[in-house]
All heavy atoms as atom14 arrays in JSON, in Angstrom:
{
  "sequence": "FFVFNNKYAISGAQPGPVFSEVLDTVWAEEQQAPSLQVVGQPKADTA",
  "atom14_mask": [
    [1, 1, 1, 1, 1, 1, 1, 1, 1, 1, 1, 0, 0, 0],
    [1, 1, 1, 1, 1, 1, 1, 1, 1, 1, 1, 0, 0, 0],
    [1, 1, 1, 1, 1, 1, 1, 0, 0, 0, 0, 0, 0, 0],
    [1, 1, 1, 1, 1, 1, 1, 1, 1, 1, 1, 0, 0, 0],
    [1, 1, 1, 1, 1, 1, 1, 1, 0, 0, 0, 0, 0, 0],
    [1, 1, 1, 1, 1, 1, 1, 1, 0, 0, 0, 0, 0, 0],
    [1, 1, 1, 1, 1, 1, 1, 1, 1, 0, 0, 0, 0, 0],
    [1, 1, 1, 1, 1, 1, 1, 1, 1, 1, 1, 1, 0, 0],
    [1, 1, 1, 1, 1, 0, 0, 0, 0, 0, 0, 0, 0, 0],
    [1, 1, 1, 1, 1, 1, 1, 1, 0, 0, 0, 0, 0, 0],
    [1, 1, 1, 1, 1, 1, 0, 0, 0, 0, 0, 0, 0, 0],
    [1, 1, 1, 1, 0, 0, 0, 0, 0, 0, 0, 0, 0, 0],
    [1, 1, 1, 1, 1, 0, 0, 0, 0, 0, 0, 0, 0, 0],
    [1, 1, 1, 1, 1, 1, 1, 1, 1, 0, 0, 0, 0, 0],
    [1, 1, 1, 1, 1, 1, 1, 0, 0, 0, 0, 0, 0, 0],
    [1, 1, 1, 1, 0, 0, 0, 0, 0, 0, 0, 0, 0, 0],
    [1, 1, 1, 1, 1, 1, 1, 0, 0, 0, 0, 0, 0, 0],
    [1, 1, 1, 1, 1, 1, 1, 0, 0, 0, 0, 0, 0, 0],
    [1, 1, 1, 1, 1, 1, 1, 1, 1, 1, 1, 0, 0, 0],
    [1, 1, 1, 1, 1, 1, 0, 0, 0, 0, 0, 0, 0, 0],
    [1, 1, 1, 1, 1, 1, 1, 1, 1, 0, 0, 0, 0, 0],
    [1, 1, 1, 1, 1, 1, 1, 0, 0, 0, 0, 0, 0, 0],
    [1, 1, 1, 1, 1, 1, 1, 1, 0, 0, 0, 0, 0, 0],
    [1, 1, 1, 1, 1, 1, 1, 1, 0, 0, 0, 0, 0, 0],
    [1, 1, 1, 1, 1, 1, 1, 0, 0, 0, 0, 0, 0, 0],
    [1, 1, 1, 1, 1, 1, 1, 0, 0, 0, 0, 0, 0, 0],
    [1, 1, 1, 1, 1, 1, 1, 1, 1, 1, 1, 1, 1, 1],
    [1, 1, 1, 1, 1, 0, 0, 0, 0, 0, 0, 0, 0, 0],
    [1, 1, 1, 1, 1, 1, 1, 1, 1, 0, 0, 0, 0, 0],
    [1, 1, 1, 1, 1, 1, 1, 1, 1, 0, 0, 0, 0, 0],
    [1, 1, 1, 1, 1, 1, 1, 1, 1, 0, 0, 0, 0, 0],
    [1, 1, 1, 1, 1, 1, 1, 1, 1, 0, 0, 0, 0, 0],
    [1, 1, 1, 1, 1, 0, 0, 0, 0, 0, 0, 0, 0, 0],
    [1, 1, 1, 1, 1, 1, 1, 0, 0, 0, 0, 0, 0, 0],
    [1, 1, 1, 1, 1, 1, 0, 0, 0, 0, 0, 0, 0, 0],
    [1, 1, 1, 1, 1, 1, 1, 1, 0, 0, 0, 0, 0, 0],
    [1, 1, 1, 1, 1, 1, 1, 1, 1, 0, 0, 0, 0, 0],
    [1, 1, 1, 1, 1, 1, 1, 0, 0, 0, 0, 0, 0, 0],
    [1, 1, 1, 1, 1, 1, 1, 0, 0, 0, 0, 0, 0, 0],
    [1, 1, 1, 1, 0, 0, 0, 0, 0, 0, 0, 0, 0, 0],
    [1, 1, 1, 1, 1, 1, 1, 1, 1, 0, 0, 0, 0, 0],
    [1, 1, 1, 1, 1, 1, 1, 0, 0, 0, 0, 0, 0, 0],
    [1, 1, 1, 1, 1, 1, 1, 1, 1, 0, 0, 0, 0, 0],
    [1, 1, 1, 1, 1, 0, 0, 0, 0, 0, 0, 0, 0, 0],
    [1, 1, 1, 1, 1, 1, 1, 1, 0, 0, 0, 0, 0, 0],
    [1, 1, 1, 1, 1, 1, 1, 0, 0, 0, 0, 0, 0, 0],
    [1, 1, 1, 1, 1, 0, 0, 0, 0, 0, 0, 0, 0, 0]
  ],
  "atom14_positions": [
    [[167.64, 81.94, -24.71], [168.35, 81.6, -23.48], [167.37, 80.92, -22.55], [166.34, 81.5, -22.21], [168.94, 82.85, -22.83], [169.97, 82.57, -21.78], [171.28, 82.27, -22.12], [169.62, 82.6, -20.43], [172.24, 82.01, -21.15], [170.57, 82.33, -19.44], [171.88, 82.03, -19.8], [0.0, 0.0, 0.0], [0.0, 0.0, 0.0], [0.0, 0.0, 0.0]],
    [[167.67, 79.69, -22.17], [166.75, 78.87, -21.38], [167.33, 78.65, -19.99], [168.48, 78.22, -19.85], [166.55, 77.51, -22.05], [166.15, 77.56, -23.5], [167.1, 77.73, -24.5], [164.82, 77.43, -23.87], [166.74, 77.77, -25.83], [164.44, 77.47, -25.21], [165.41, 77.64, -26.19], [0.0, 0.0, 0.0], [0.0, 0.0, 0.0], [0.0, 0.0, 0.0]],
    [[166.54, 78.92, -18.96], [166.99, 78.72, -17.58], [166.05, 77.72, -16.91], [164.84, 77.93, -16.86], [167.02, 80.05, -16.79], [167.4, 79.78, -15.34], [168.01, 81.02, -17.43], [0.0, 0.0, 0.0], [0.0, 0.0, 0.0], [0.0, 0.0, 0.0], [0.0, 0.0, 0.0], [0.0, 0.0, 0.0], [0.0, 0.0, 0.0], [0.0, 0.0, 0.0]],
    [[166.65, 76.64, -16.38], [165.89, 75.57, -15.75], [166.01, 75.67, -14.23], [167.1, 75.55, -13.67], [166.42, 74.2, -16.21], [166.29, 73.95, -17.68], [167.08, 74.62, -18.6], [165.36, 73.03, -18.16], [166.97, 74.38, -19.97], [165.24, 72.78, -19.52], [166.04, 73.46, -20.42], [0.0, 0.0, 0.0], [0.0, 0.0, 0.0], [0.0, 0.0, 0.0]],
    [[164.87, 75.92, -13.57], [164.83, 75.99, -12.1], [165.86, 76.96, -11.53], [166.39, 76.73, -10.43], [165.03, 74.6, -11.49], [163.73, 73.8, -11.43], [162.69, 74.23, -11.92], [163.8, 72.62, -10.84], [0.0, 0.0, 0.0], [0.0, 0.0, 0.0], [0.0, 0.0, 0.0], [0.0, 0.0, 0.0], [0.0, 0.0, 0.0], [0.0, 0.0, 0.0]],
    [[166.15, 78.0, -12.27], [167.14, 79.01, -11.81], [168.49, 78.4, -11.47], [169.26, 78.97, -10.69], [166.61, 79.76, -10.58], [165.45, 80.68, -10.94], [165.48, 81.35, -11.96], [164.43, 80.69, -10.1], [0.0, 0.0, 0.0], [0.0, 0.0, 0.0], [0.0, 0.0, 0.0], [0.0, 0.0, 0.0], [0.0, 0.0, 0.0], [0.0, 0.0, 0.0]],
    [[168.79, 77.25, -12.1], [170.03, 76.56, -11.76], [170.87, 76.18, -12.97], [172.09, 76.3, -12.95], [169.72, 75.3, -10.93], [170.94, 74.58, -10.41], [170.56, 73.44, -9.49], [171.82, 72.75, -8.95], [171.48, 71.63, -8.05], [0.0, 0.0, 0.0], [0.0, 0.0, 0.0], [0.0, 0.0, 0.0], [0.0, 0.0, 0.0], [0.0, 0.0, 0.0]],
    [[170.22, 75.73, -14.03], [170.92, 75.32, -15.24], [170.46, 76.2, -16.4], [169.3, 76.6, -16.46], [170.64, 73.85, -15.58], [171.11, 72.88, -14.54], [170.25, 72.44, -13.54], [172.42, 72.39, -14.56], [170.67, 71.53, -12.58], [172.85, 71.48, -13.6], [171.98, 71.06, -12.62], [172.4, 70.17, -11.66], [0.0, 0.0, 0.0], [0.0, 0.0, 0.0]],
    [[171.36, 76.48, -17.32], [171.02, 77.33, -18.47], [171.52, 76.71, -19.77], [172.56, 76.05, -19.81], [171.62, 78.72, -18.29], [0.0, 0.0, 0.0], [0.0, 0.0, 0.0], [0.0, 0.0, 0.0], [0.0, 0.0, 0.0], [0.0, 0.0, 0.0], [0.0, 0.0, 0.0], [0.0, 0.0, 0.0], [0.0, 0.0, 0.0], [0.0, 0.0, 0.0]],
    [[170.76, 76.94, -20.82], [171.15, 76.56, -22.17], [171.12, 77.83, -23.01], [170.11, 78.53, -23.06], [170.2, 75.51, -22.78], [170.32, 74.18, -22.03], [170.49, 75.31, -24.26], [169.36, 73.12, -22.54], [0.0, 0.0, 0.0], [0.0, 0.0, 0.0], [0.0, 0.0, 0.0], [0.0, 0.0, 0.0], [0.0, 0.0, 0.0], [0.0, 0.0, 0.0]],
    [[172.21, 78.12, -23.66], [172.31, 79.3, -24.51], [172.25, 78.88, -25.97], [173.04, 78.04, -26.42], [173.62, 80.05, -24.23], [173.73, 81.19, -25.05], [0.0, 0.0, 0.0], [0.0, 0.0, 0.0], [0.0, 0.0, 0.0], [0.0, 0.0, 0.0], [0.0, 0.0, 0.0], [0.0, 0.0, 0.0], [0.0, 0.0, 0.0], [0.0, 0.0, 0.0]],
    [[171.29, 79.43, -26.7], [171.18, 79.14, -28.12], [170.25, 77.97, -28.42], [169.79, 77.25, -27.52], [0.0, 0.0, 0.0], [0.0, 0.0, 0.0], [0.0, 0.0, 0.0], [0.0, 0.0, 0.0], [0.0, 0.0, 0.0], [0.0, 0.0, 0.0], [0.0, 0.0, 0.0], [0.0, 0.0, 0.0], [0.0, 0.0, 0.0], [0.0, 0.0, 0.0]],
    [[169.99, 77.78, -29.72], [169.1, 76.71, -30.16], [169.9, 75.41, -30.27], [170.2, 74.92, -31.36], [168.47, 77.06, -31.51], [0.0, 0.0, 0.0], [0.0, 0.0, 0.0], [0.0, 0.0, 0.0], [0.0, 0.0, 0.0], [0.0, 0.0, 0.0], [0.0, 0.0, 0.0], [0.0, 0.0, 0.0], [0.0, 0.0, 0.0], [0.0, 0.0, 0.0]],
    [[170.24, 74.86, -29.12], [171.06, 73.65, -29.07], [170.29, 72.44, -29.6], [169.06, 72.44, -29.64], [171.52, 73.4, -27.64], [172.37, 74.51, -27.05], [173.7, 74.66, -27.77], [174.25, 73.69, -28.28], [174.21, 75.88, -27.82], [0.0, 0.0, 0.0], [0.0, 0.0, 0.0], [0.0, 0.0, 0.0], [0.0, 0.0, 0.0], [0.0, 0.0, 0.0]],
    [[171.0, 71.38, -30.0], [170.33, 70.16, -30.46], [169.42, 69.57, -29.39], [169.65, 69.76, -28.18], [171.5, 69.22, -30.78], [172.66, 70.13, -31.04], [172.47, 71.29, -30.12], [0.0, 0.0, 0.0], [0.0, 0.0, 0.0], [0.0, 0.0, 0.0], [0.0, 0.0, 0.0], [0.0, 0.0, 0.0], [0.0, 0.0, 0.0], [0.0, 0.0, 0.0]],
    [[168.42, 68.83, -29.83], [167.45, 68.24, -28.92], [168.04, 67.47, -27.75], [167.57, 67.6, -26.62], [0.0, 0.0, 0.0], [0.0, 0.0, 0.0], [0.0, 0.0, 0.0], [0.0, 0.0, 0.0], [0.0, 0.0, 0.0], [0.0, 0.0, 0.0], [0.0, 0.0, 0.0], [0.0, 0.0, 0.0], [0.0, 0.0, 0.0], [0.0, 0.0, 0.0]],
    [[169.06, 66.63, -27.98], [169.63, 65.85, -26.87], [170.17, 66.71, -25.73], [170.18, 66.26, -24.57], [170.75, 65.05, -27.55], [170.29, 64.89, -28.96], [169.61, 66.19, -29.28], [0.0, 0.0, 0.0], [0.0, 0.0, 0.0], [0.0, 0.0, 0.0], [0.0, 0.0, 0.0], [0.0, 0.0, 0.0], [0.0, 0.0, 0.0], [0.0, 0.0, 0.0]],
    [[170.6, 67.93, -26.04], [171.08, 68.83, -24.98], [169.92, 69.2, -24.05], [170.06, 69.18, -22.81], [171.72, 70.1, -25.58], [172.11, 71.08, -24.47], [172.93, 69.74, -26.43], [0.0, 0.0, 0.0], [0.0, 0.0, 0.0], [0.0, 0.0, 0.0], [0.0, 0.0, 0.0], [0.0, 0.0, 0.0], [0.0, 0.0, 0.0], [0.0, 0.0, 0.0]],
    [[168.78, 69.52, -24.63], [167.6, 69.83, -23.82], [167.18, 68.62, -23.0], [166.85, 68.74, -21.81], [166.45, 70.29, -24.7], [166.62, 71.66, -25.29], [167.03, 71.83, -26.59], [166.38, 72.8, -24.53], [167.19, 73.1, -27.14], [166.54, 74.06, -25.05], [166.95, 74.22, -26.36], [0.0, 0.0, 0.0], [0.0, 0.0, 0.0], [0.0, 0.0, 0.0]],
    [[167.18, 67.45, -23.63], [166.77, 66.23, -22.92], [167.68, 65.94, -21.74], [167.22, 65.53, -20.67], [166.76, 65.05, -23.9], [165.78, 65.23, -24.91], [0.0, 0.0, 0.0], [0.0, 0.0, 0.0], [0.0, 0.0, 0.0], [0.0, 0.0, 0.0], [0.0, 0.0, 0.0], [0.0, 0.0, 0.0], [0.0, 0.0, 0.0], [0.0, 0.0, 0.0]],
    [[168.98, 66.15, -21.93], [169.93, 65.89, -20.86], [169.68, 66.79, -19.65], [169.69, 66.32, -18.5], [171.36, 66.09, -21.37], [172.42, 65.82, -20.32], [173.83, 66.04, -20.84], [173.99, 66.26, -22.07], [174.77, 65.99, -20.03], [0.0, 0.0, 0.0], [0.0, 0.0, 0.0], [0.0, 0.0, 0.0], [0.0, 0.0, 0.0], [0.0, 0.0, 0.0]],
    [[169.44, 68.07, -19.92], [169.19, 69.0, -18.81], [167.86, 68.68, -18.14], [167.74, 68.72, -16.9], [169.23, 70.46, -19.29], [168.89, 71.41, -18.15], [170.6, 70.8, -19.85], [0.0, 0.0, 0.0], [0.0, 0.0, 0.0], [0.0, 0.0, 0.0], [0.0, 0.0, 0.0], [0.0, 0.0, 0.0], [0.0, 0.0, 0.0], [0.0, 0.0, 0.0]],
    [[166.85, 68.37, -18.93], [165.56, 68.01, -18.36], [165.7, 66.81, -17.42], [165.16, 66.81, -16.3], [164.56, 67.68, -19.47], [163.97, 68.85, -20.25], [163.23, 68.34, -21.49], [163.03, 69.68, -19.39], [0.0, 0.0, 0.0], [0.0, 0.0, 0.0], [0.0, 0.0, 0.0], [0.0, 0.0, 0.0], [0.0, 0.0, 0.0], [0.0, 0.0, 0.0]],
    [[166.43, 65.79, -17.85], [166.61, 64.59, -17.03], [167.39, 64.91, -15.75], [167.08, 64.38, -14.68], [167.35, 63.51, -17.83], [166.48, 62.92, -18.93], [165.25, 63.05, -18.86], [167.05, 62.33, -19.88], [0.0, 0.0, 0.0], [0.0, 0.0, 0.0], [0.0, 0.0, 0.0], [0.0, 0.0, 0.0], [0.0, 0.0, 0.0], [0.0, 0.0, 0.0]],
    [[168.39, 65.79, -15.88], [169.2, 66.15, -14.71], [168.36, 66.88, -13.67], [168.39, 66.55, -12.47], [170.38, 67.05, -15.13], [171.23, 66.32, -16.02], [171.19, 67.49, -13.92], [0.0, 0.0, 0.0], [0.0, 0.0, 0.0], [0.0, 0.0, 0.0], [0.0, 0.0, 0.0], [0.0, 0.0, 0.0], [0.0, 0.0, 0.0], [0.0, 0.0, 0.0]],
    [[167.6, 67.87, -14.13], [166.77, 68.63, -13.2], [165.69, 67.75, -12.59], [165.39, 67.84, -11.39], [166.14, 69.85, -13.92], [165.21, 70.6, -12.98], [167.23, 70.78, -14.44], [0.0, 0.0, 0.0], [0.0, 0.0, 0.0], [0.0, 0.0, 0.0], [0.0, 0.0, 0.0], [0.0, 0.0, 0.0], [0.0, 0.0, 0.0], [0.0, 0.0, 0.0]],
    [[165.11, 66.89, -13.4], [164.06, 65.99, -12.92], [164.6, 65.05, -11.84], [163.95, 64.83, -10.8], [163.5, 65.19, -14.09], [162.4, 64.23, -13.73], [162.48, 62.87, -13.66], [161.05, 64.56, -13.4], [161.27, 62.34, -13.32], [160.37, 63.35, -13.15], [160.35, 65.76, -13.3], [159.03, 63.3, -12.79], [159.01, 65.71, -12.95], [158.36, 64.49, -12.7]],
    [[165.78, 64.51, -12.07], [166.38, 63.59, -11.1], [166.64, 64.32, -9.78], [166.41, 63.76, -8.69], [167.68, 63.02, -11.64], [0.0, 0.0, 0.0], [0.0, 0.0, 0.0], [0.0, 0.0, 0.0], [0.0, 0.0, 0.0], [0.0, 0.0, 0.0], [0.0, 0.0, 0.0], [0.0, 0.0, 0.0], [0.0, 0.0, 0.0], [0.0, 0.0, 0.0]],
    [[167.08, 65.55, -9.85], [167.32, 66.32, -8.63], [166.03, 66.6, -7.88], [165.99, 66.55, -6.64], [168.02, 67.64, -8.96], [169.46, 67.47, -9.42], [170.12, 68.81, -9.69], [169.43, 69.85, -9.59], [171.32, 68.81, -9.99], [0.0, 0.0, 0.0], [0.0, 0.0, 0.0], [0.0, 0.0, 0.0], [0.0, 0.0, 0.0], [0.0, 0.0, 0.0]],
    [[164.96, 66.85, -8.62], [163.68, 67.13, -7.97], [163.11, 65.9, -7.28], [162.38, 66.03, -6.29], [162.67, 67.66, -9.0], [162.94, 69.09, -9.45], [161.79, 69.64, -10.28], [161.01, 68.83, -10.83], [161.66, 70.87, -10.38], [0.0, 0.0, 0.0], [0.0, 0.0, 0.0], [0.0, 0.0, 0.0], [0.0, 0.0, 0.0], [0.0, 0.0, 0.0]],
    [[163.43, 64.72, -7.8], [162.87, 63.5, -7.24], [163.63, 63.01, -6.01], [163.14, 62.14, -5.27], [162.85, 62.38, -8.29], [162.1, 62.72, -9.56], [160.75, 63.37, -9.3], [159.9, 62.76, -8.63], [160.54, 64.57, -9.81], [0.0, 0.0, 0.0], [0.0, 0.0, 0.0], [0.0, 0.0, 0.0], [0.0, 0.0, 0.0], [0.0, 0.0, 0.0]],
    [[164.81, 63.53, -5.8], [165.61, 63.11, -4.66], [165.11, 63.8, -3.39], [165.06, 65.03, -3.32], [167.08, 63.46, -4.87], [167.75, 62.67, -5.98], [169.16, 63.13, -6.24], [169.63, 64.08, -5.63], [169.84, 62.46, -7.16], [0.0, 0.0, 0.0], [0.0, 0.0, 0.0], [0.0, 0.0, 0.0], [0.0, 0.0, 0.0], [0.0, 0.0, 0.0]],
    [[164.74, 63.0, -2.4], [164.3, 63.57, -1.12], [165.53, 64.13, -0.4], [166.54, 63.44, -0.29], [163.64, 62.52, -0.26], [0.0, 0.0, 0.0], [0.0, 0.0, 0.0], [0.0, 0.0, 0.0], [0.0, 0.0, 0.0], [0.0, 0.0, 0.0], [0.0, 0.0, 0.0], [0.0, 0.0, 0.0], [0.0, 0.0, 0.0], [0.0, 0.0, 0.0]],
    [[165.47, 65.34, 0.05], [166.64, 65.91, 0.73], [166.93, 65.17, 2.04], [166.01, 64.78, 2.77], [166.2, 67.36, 1.01], [164.72, 67.32, 1.03], [164.33, 66.27, 0.03], [0.0, 0.0, 0.0], [0.0, 0.0, 0.0], [0.0, 0.0, 0.0], [0.0, 0.0, 0.0], [0.0, 0.0, 0.0], [0.0, 0.0, 0.0], [0.0, 0.0, 0.0]],
    [[168.2, 64.91, 2.29], [168.58, 64.24, 3.53], [168.38, 65.21, 4.7], [168.64, 66.4, 4.58], [170.04, 63.79, 3.47], [170.89, 64.9, 3.24], [0.0, 0.0, 0.0], [0.0, 0.0, 0.0], [0.0, 0.0, 0.0], [0.0, 0.0, 0.0], [0.0, 0.0, 0.0], [0.0, 0.0, 0.0], [0.0, 0.0, 0.0], [0.0, 0.0, 0.0]],
    [[167.91, 64.68, 5.81], [167.6, 65.51, 6.97], [168.8, 65.57, 7.9], [169.29, 64.54, 8.37], [166.4, 64.92, 7.71], [165.87, 65.73, 8.9], [165.33, 67.08, 8.43], [164.78, 64.95, 9.63], [0.0, 0.0, 0.0], [0.0, 0.0, 0.0], [0.0, 0.0, 0.0], [0.0, 0.0, 0.0], [0.0, 0.0, 0.0], [0.0, 0.0, 0.0]],
    [[169.28, 66.78, 8.12], [170.4, 66.99, 9.03], [169.86, 67.51, 10.36], [169.26, 68.58, 10.41], [171.38, 68.0, 8.42], [171.96, 67.6, 7.06], [172.83, 66.36, 7.18], [173.54, 66.19, 8.17], [172.78, 65.51, 6.15], [0.0, 0.0, 0.0], [0.0, 0.0, 0.0], [0.0, 0.0, 0.0], [0.0, 0.0, 0.0], [0.0, 0.0, 0.0]],
    [[170.03, 66.76, 11.43], [169.51, 67.15, 12.74], [170.57, 67.95, 13.48], [171.71, 67.48, 13.66], [169.12, 65.91, 13.57], [168.59, 66.34, 14.94], [168.07, 65.1, 12.82], [0.0, 0.0, 0.0], [0.0, 0.0, 0.0], [0.0, 0.0, 0.0], [0.0, 0.0, 0.0], [0.0, 0.0, 0.0], [0.0, 0.0, 0.0], [0.0, 0.0, 0.0]],
    [[170.21, 69.16, 13.89], [171.12, 70.03, 14.62], [170.62, 70.17, 16.05], [169.44, 70.43, 16.29], [171.2, 71.43, 13.96], [172.13, 72.34, 14.76], [171.68, 71.3, 12.52], [0.0, 0.0, 0.0], [0.0, 0.0, 0.0], [0.0, 0.0, 0.0], [0.0, 0.0, 0.0], [0.0, 0.0, 0.0], [0.0, 0.0, 0.0], [0.0, 0.0, 0.0]],
    [[171.48, 69.98, 17.04], [171.07, 70.12, 18.44], [170.32, 68.91, 18.94], [169.17, 69.01, 19.36], [0.0, 0.0, 0.0], [0.0, 0.0, 0.0], [0.0, 0.0, 0.0], [0.0, 0.0, 0.0], [0.0, 0.0, 0.0], [0.0, 0.0, 0.0], [0.0, 0.0, 0.0], [0.0, 0.0, 0.0], [0.0, 0.0, 0.0], [0.0, 0.0, 0.0]],
    [[170.93, 67.72, 18.84], [170.28, 66.49, 19.31], [170.0, 66.58, 20.81], [170.9, 66.88, 21.6], [171.2, 65.29, 19.04], [170.58, 63.95, 19.39], [169.5, 63.56, 18.41], [169.54, 63.94, 17.26], [168.51, 62.83, 18.88], [0.0, 0.0, 0.0], [0.0, 0.0, 0.0], [0.0, 0.0, 0.0], [0.0, 0.0, 0.0], [0.0, 0.0, 0.0]],
    [[168.73, 66.36, 21.26], [168.4, 66.46, 22.7], [169.17, 65.42, 23.52], [169.49, 64.34, 23.02], [166.9, 66.17, 22.75], [166.42, 66.42, 21.36], [167.55, 66.08, 20.45], [0.0, 0.0, 0.0], [0.0, 0.0, 0.0], [0.0, 0.0, 0.0], [0.0, 0.0, 0.0], [0.0, 0.0, 0.0], [0.0, 0.0, 0.0], [0.0, 0.0, 0.0]],
    [[169.46, 65.76, 24.76], [170.12, 64.83, 25.67], [169.14, 63.74, 26.12], [167.93, 63.95, 26.15], [170.64, 65.56, 26.9], [171.69, 66.62, 26.6], [172.07, 67.35, 27.87], [173.07, 68.46, 27.57], [173.41, 69.23, 28.8], [0.0, 0.0, 0.0], [0.0, 0.0, 0.0], [0.0, 0.0, 0.0], [0.0, 0.0, 0.0], [0.0, 0.0, 0.0]],
    [[169.66, 62.6, 26.43], [168.8, 61.52, 26.91], [168.19, 61.89, 28.26], [168.83, 62.55, 29.08], [169.63, 60.24, 27.05], [0.0, 0.0, 0.0], [0.0, 0.0, 0.0], [0.0, 0.0, 0.0], [0.0, 0.0, 0.0], [0.0, 0.0, 0.0], [0.0, 0.0, 0.0], [0.0, 0.0, 0.0], [0.0, 0.0, 0.0], [0.0, 0.0, 0.0]],
    [[166.94, 61.48, 28.47], [166.26, 61.78, 29.74], [166.73, 60.79, 30.81], [166.36, 59.62, 30.77], [164.74, 61.66, 29.52], [163.98, 61.91, 30.81], [164.58, 62.51, 31.74], [162.83, 61.46, 30.89], [0.0, 0.0, 0.0], [0.0, 0.0, 0.0], [0.0, 0.0, 0.0], [0.0, 0.0, 0.0], [0.0, 0.0, 0.0], [0.0, 0.0, 0.0]],
    [[167.56, 61.26, 31.7], [168.1, 60.38, 32.74], [167.24, 60.33, 33.98], [167.47, 59.53, 34.88], [169.52, 60.84, 33.13], [169.45, 62.19, 33.6], [170.45, 60.77, 31.94], [0.0, 0.0, 0.0], [0.0, 0.0, 0.0], [0.0, 0.0, 0.0], [0.0, 0.0, 0.0], [0.0, 0.0, 0.0], [0.0, 0.0, 0.0], [0.0, 0.0, 0.0]],
    [[166.21, 61.21, 34.0], [165.38, 61.28, 35.2], [164.22, 60.31, 35.17], [163.53, 60.11, 36.14], [164.85, 62.7, 35.42], [0.0, 0.0, 0.0], [0.0, 0.0, 0.0], [0.0, 0.0, 0.0], [0.0, 0.0, 0.0], [0.0, 0.0, 0.0], [0.0, 0.0, 0.0], [0.0, 0.0, 0.0], [0.0, 0.0, 0.0], [0.0, 0.0, 0.0]]
  ]
}
């Protein structure tokens, strides 16, 4: 039983392409920079 980054799992001795597909998926997710969500935007300085 194989668990990738505590997110994806492969059960059993699956064919090689199954492992490659999961590796590519996890790798692509790791390379994506998370988008920054700004909470509480400051008010403009009117003074």
